[in-house]
Amino acid sequence: MTDPVRQFTPKEAIRTGMLPLVWISVVMTAGVSIFGISFQVDFARDVGFGPLVAASSMGVMTVVNGVGRGVVGRLSDR
């Protein structure tokens, strides 16, 4: 059996100090992901892929990145 989890109010969550740290972590992780995606088209073009393939790969990575965040967020809340 698992123990019940205490639910914090927004004020209590902010006062713990952990919520701001979680938000900083989320923002930094998002920044790194978006930074990598932003160079993907240039890299693909440099190694010889055509413009359609390069742009499509960026689109696919962006969608996967966004969907992945939702899935991981949902799993982490369980």
N, C-alpha and C. Protein backbone atom coordinates (compact mmCIF):
# COMPACT_ATOMS: atom_id res chain seq x y z
N MET A 1 0.83 -1.18 0.00
CA MET A 1 0.00 0.00 0.00
C MET A 1 0.88 1.24 0.00
N THR A 2 0.34 2.25 -0.60
CA THR A 2 1.08 3.51 -0.63
C THR A 2 0.42 4.50 0.31
N ASP A 3 1.24 5.37 0.86
CA ASP A 3 0.72 6.42 1.72
C ASP A 3 0.09 7.51 0.87
N PRO A 4 -0.94 8.17 1.39
CA PRO A 4 -1.54 9.27 0.62
C PRO A 4 -0.53 10.40 0.44
N VAL A 5 -0.65 11.08 -0.67
CA VAL A 5 0.26 12.18 -0.98
C VAL A 5 -0.39 13.48 -0.53
N ARG A 6 0.36 14.30 0.17
CA ARG A 6 -0.16 15.58 0.63
C ARG A 6 -0.26 16.53 -0.55
N GLN A 7 -1.40 17.19 -0.67
CA GLN A 7 -1.60 18.18 -1.73
C GLN A 7 -1.31 19.57 -1.16
N PHE A 8 -0.41 20.28 -1.82
CA PHE A 8 -0.05 21.63 -1.40
C PHE A 8 -0.92 22.65 -2.11
N THR A 9 -1.20 23.74 -1.43
CA THR A 9 -1.83 24.88 -2.11
C THR A 9 -0.73 25.56 -2.93
N PRO A 10 -1.09 26.39 -3.91
CA PRO A 10 -0.05 27.08 -4.68
C PRO A 10 0.93 27.87 -3.80
N LYS A 11 0.42 28.57 -2.78
CA LYS A 11 1.31 29.33 -1.89
C LYS A 11 2.28 28.41 -1.16
N GLU A 12 1.76 27.30 -0.65
CA GLU A 12 2.62 26.35 0.07
C GLU A 12 3.68 25.76 -0.86
N ALA A 13 3.29 25.46 -2.08
CA ALA A 13 4.24 24.89 -3.04
C ALA A 13 5.37 25.86 -3.34
N ILE A 14 5.03 27.13 -3.50
CA ILE A 14 6.06 28.14 -3.78
C ILE A 14 6.98 28.30 -2.58
N ARG A 15 6.42 28.27 -1.39
CA ARG A 15 7.23 28.45 -0.17
C ARG A 15 8.21 27.31 0.07
N THR A 16 7.93 26.13 -0.44
CA THR A 16 8.85 25.01 -0.21
C THR A 16 10.19 25.24 -0.89
N GLY A 17 10.21 26.06 -1.92
CA GLY A 17 11.44 26.29 -2.66
C GLY A 17 11.65 25.30 -3.79
N MET A 18 10.92 24.21 -3.77
CA MET A 18 11.09 23.20 -4.82
C MET A 18 10.39 23.59 -6.11
N LEU A 19 9.24 24.24 -6.01
CA LEU A 19 8.49 24.61 -7.21
C LEU A 19 9.30 25.54 -8.11
N PRO A 20 9.90 26.60 -7.57
CA PRO A 20 10.74 27.44 -8.45
C PRO A 20 11.89 26.65 -9.09
N LEU A 21 12.48 25.72 -8.34
CA LEU A 21 13.56 24.90 -8.91
C LEU A 21 13.05 24.00 -10.03
N VAL A 22 11.86 23.46 -9.86
CA VAL A 22 11.28 22.62 -10.91
C VAL A 22 11.04 23.46 -12.16
N TRP A 23 10.50 24.67 -11.99
CA TRP A 23 10.24 25.53 -13.14
C TRP A 23 11.54 25.92 -13.85
N ILE A 24 12.58 26.21 -13.08
CA ILE A 24 13.87 26.53 -13.70
C ILE A 24 14.37 25.34 -14.50
N SER A 25 14.23 24.15 -13.94
CA SER A 25 14.64 22.93 -14.64
C SER A 25 13.86 22.73 -15.93
N VAL A 26 12.55 22.96 -15.88
CA VAL A 26 11.71 22.80 -17.07
C VAL A 26 12.11 23.80 -18.15
N VAL A 27 12.32 25.05 -17.76
CA VAL A 27 12.70 26.09 -18.73
C VAL A 27 14.06 25.79 -19.34
N MET A 28 15.01 25.36 -18.54
CA MET A 28 16.34 25.04 -19.08
C MET A 28 16.29 23.84 -20.02
N THR A 29 15.52 22.83 -19.66
CA THR A 29 15.39 21.66 -20.53
C THR A 29 14.73 22.03 -21.85
N ALA A 30 13.69 22.84 -21.78
CA ALA A 30 13.02 23.30 -23.01
C ALA A 30 13.98 24.11 -23.87
N GLY A 31 14.77 24.95 -23.24
CA GLY A 31 15.73 25.76 -23.99
C GLY A 31 16.75 24.90 -24.73
N VAL A 32 17.25 23.88 -24.07
CA VAL A 32 18.22 22.99 -24.71
C VAL A 32 17.59 22.26 -25.88
N SER A 33 16.36 21.79 -25.71
CA SER A 33 15.67 21.08 -26.79
C SER A 33 15.43 21.98 -27.99
N ILE A 34 14.95 23.19 -27.74
CA ILE A 34 14.67 24.12 -28.82
C ILE A 34 15.97 24.58 -29.48
N PHE A 35 17.03 24.74 -28.69
CA PHE A 35 18.33 25.11 -29.24
C PHE A 35 18.81 24.06 -30.24
N GLY A 36 18.68 22.78 -29.88
CA GLY A 36 19.09 21.71 -30.79
C GLY A 36 18.26 21.68 -32.06
N ILE A 37 16.96 21.87 -31.93
CA ILE A 37 16.08 21.87 -33.10
C ILE A 37 16.41 23.02 -34.03
N SER A 38 16.79 24.17 -33.46
CA SER A 38 17.04 25.35 -34.28
C SER A 38 18.22 25.16 -35.24
N PHE A 39 19.16 24.30 -34.90
CA PHE A 39 20.31 24.06 -35.77
C PHE A 39 20.15 22.84 -36.68
N GLN A 40 19.06 22.14 -36.53
CA GLN A 40 18.88 20.89 -37.26
C GLN A 40 18.83 21.09 -38.77
N VAL A 41 18.13 22.11 -39.24
CA VAL A 41 18.00 22.33 -40.68
C VAL A 41 19.37 22.66 -41.28
N ASP A 42 20.11 23.55 -40.65
CA ASP A 42 21.44 23.90 -41.17
C ASP A 42 22.36 22.68 -41.20
N PHE A 43 22.32 21.87 -40.15
CA PHE A 43 23.15 20.67 -40.11
C PHE A 43 22.75 19.71 -41.22
N ALA A 44 21.45 19.48 -41.39
CA ALA A 44 20.98 18.56 -42.43
C ALA A 44 21.38 19.05 -43.82
N ARG A 45 21.30 20.35 -44.04
CA ARG A 45 21.70 20.91 -45.35
C ARG A 45 23.21 20.74 -45.56
N ASP A 46 24.00 20.94 -44.51
CA ASP A 46 25.45 20.80 -44.62
C ASP A 46 25.89 19.38 -44.96
N VAL A 47 25.17 18.38 -44.48
CA VAL A 47 25.56 17.00 -44.77
C VAL A 47 24.93 16.46 -46.04
N GLY A 48 24.20 17.32 -46.77
CA GLY A 48 23.74 16.94 -48.09
C GLY A 48 22.26 16.66 -48.28
N PHE A 49 21.45 16.83 -47.26
CA PHE A 49 20.01 16.62 -47.43
C PHE A 49 19.40 17.81 -48.14
N GLY A 50 18.35 17.56 -48.91
CA GLY A 50 17.65 18.62 -49.62
C GLY A 50 16.84 19.49 -48.66
N PRO A 51 16.39 20.64 -49.16
CA PRO A 51 15.65 21.56 -48.28
C PRO A 51 14.34 20.97 -47.74
N LEU A 52 13.65 20.17 -48.55
CA LEU A 52 12.39 19.58 -48.08
C LEU A 52 12.63 18.59 -46.95
N VAL A 53 13.64 17.75 -47.10
CA VAL A 53 13.95 16.77 -46.06
C VAL A 53 14.43 17.48 -44.80
N ALA A 54 15.27 18.49 -44.97
CA ALA A 54 15.79 19.23 -43.81
C ALA A 54 14.66 19.91 -43.04
N ALA A 55 13.78 20.59 -43.76
CA ALA A 55 12.67 21.29 -43.10
C ALA A 55 11.68 20.30 -42.50
N SER A 56 11.43 19.20 -43.19
CA SER A 56 10.50 18.19 -42.66
C SER A 56 11.05 17.57 -41.38
N SER A 57 12.36 17.33 -41.35
CA SER A 57 12.94 16.74 -40.14
C SER A 57 12.78 17.68 -38.95
N MET A 58 12.90 18.98 -39.20
CA MET A 58 12.70 19.94 -38.11
C MET A 58 11.25 19.91 -37.63
N GLY A 59 10.32 19.83 -38.56
CA GLY A 59 8.91 19.75 -38.18
C GLY A 59 8.60 18.51 -37.36
N VAL A 60 9.14 17.38 -37.80
CA VAL A 60 8.91 16.13 -37.08
C VAL A 60 9.52 16.20 -35.67
N MET A 61 10.74 16.70 -35.58
CA MET A 61 11.38 16.82 -34.27
C MET A 61 10.62 17.75 -33.34
N THR A 62 10.07 18.82 -33.88
CA THR A 62 9.31 19.76 -33.06
C THR A 62 8.05 19.10 -32.51
N VAL A 63 7.35 18.35 -33.36
CA VAL A 63 6.13 17.66 -32.92
C VAL A 63 6.48 16.59 -31.88
N VAL A 64 7.52 15.80 -32.15
CA VAL A 64 7.93 14.75 -31.22
C VAL A 64 8.33 15.37 -29.88
N ASN A 65 9.05 16.48 -29.93
CA ASN A 65 9.47 17.17 -28.73
C ASN A 65 8.26 17.61 -27.91
N GLY A 66 7.29 18.22 -28.55
CA GLY A 66 6.10 18.69 -27.85
C GLY A 66 5.27 17.56 -27.28
N VAL A 67 5.03 16.53 -28.08
CA VAL A 67 4.24 15.38 -27.62
C VAL A 67 4.98 14.65 -26.50
N GLY A 68 6.28 14.51 -26.66
CA GLY A 68 7.07 13.84 -25.63
C GLY A 68 7.00 14.54 -24.29
N ARG A 69 6.99 15.86 -24.30
CA ARG A 69 6.88 16.60 -23.03
C ARG A 69 5.55 16.30 -22.35
N GLY A 70 4.49 16.27 -23.14
CA GLY A 70 3.18 15.96 -22.56
C GLY A 70 3.12 14.56 -21.98
N VAL A 71 3.67 13.60 -22.71
CA VAL A 71 3.66 12.21 -22.25
C VAL A 71 4.50 12.06 -20.98
N VAL A 72 5.69 12.62 -20.99
CA VAL A 72 6.56 12.51 -19.81
C VAL A 72 5.93 13.23 -18.62
N GLY A 73 5.33 14.38 -18.86
CA GLY A 73 4.65 15.10 -17.78
C GLY A 73 3.52 14.28 -17.18
N ARG A 74 2.76 13.65 -18.05
CA ARG A 74 1.63 12.82 -17.59
C ARG A 74 2.15 11.63 -16.78
N LEU A 75 3.21 10.99 -17.27
CA LEU A 75 3.77 9.83 -16.56
C LEU A 75 4.37 10.24 -15.22
N SER A 76 4.99 11.40 -15.17
CA SER A 76 5.63 11.82 -13.92
C SER A 76 4.61 12.19 -12.85
N ASP A 77 3.39 12.51 -13.25
CA ASP A 77 2.35 12.86 -12.28
C ASP A 77 1.66 11.65 -11.69
N ARG A 78 1.99 10.48 -12.16
CA ARG A 78 1.35 9.26 -11.63
C ARG A 78 1.93 8.87 -10.31
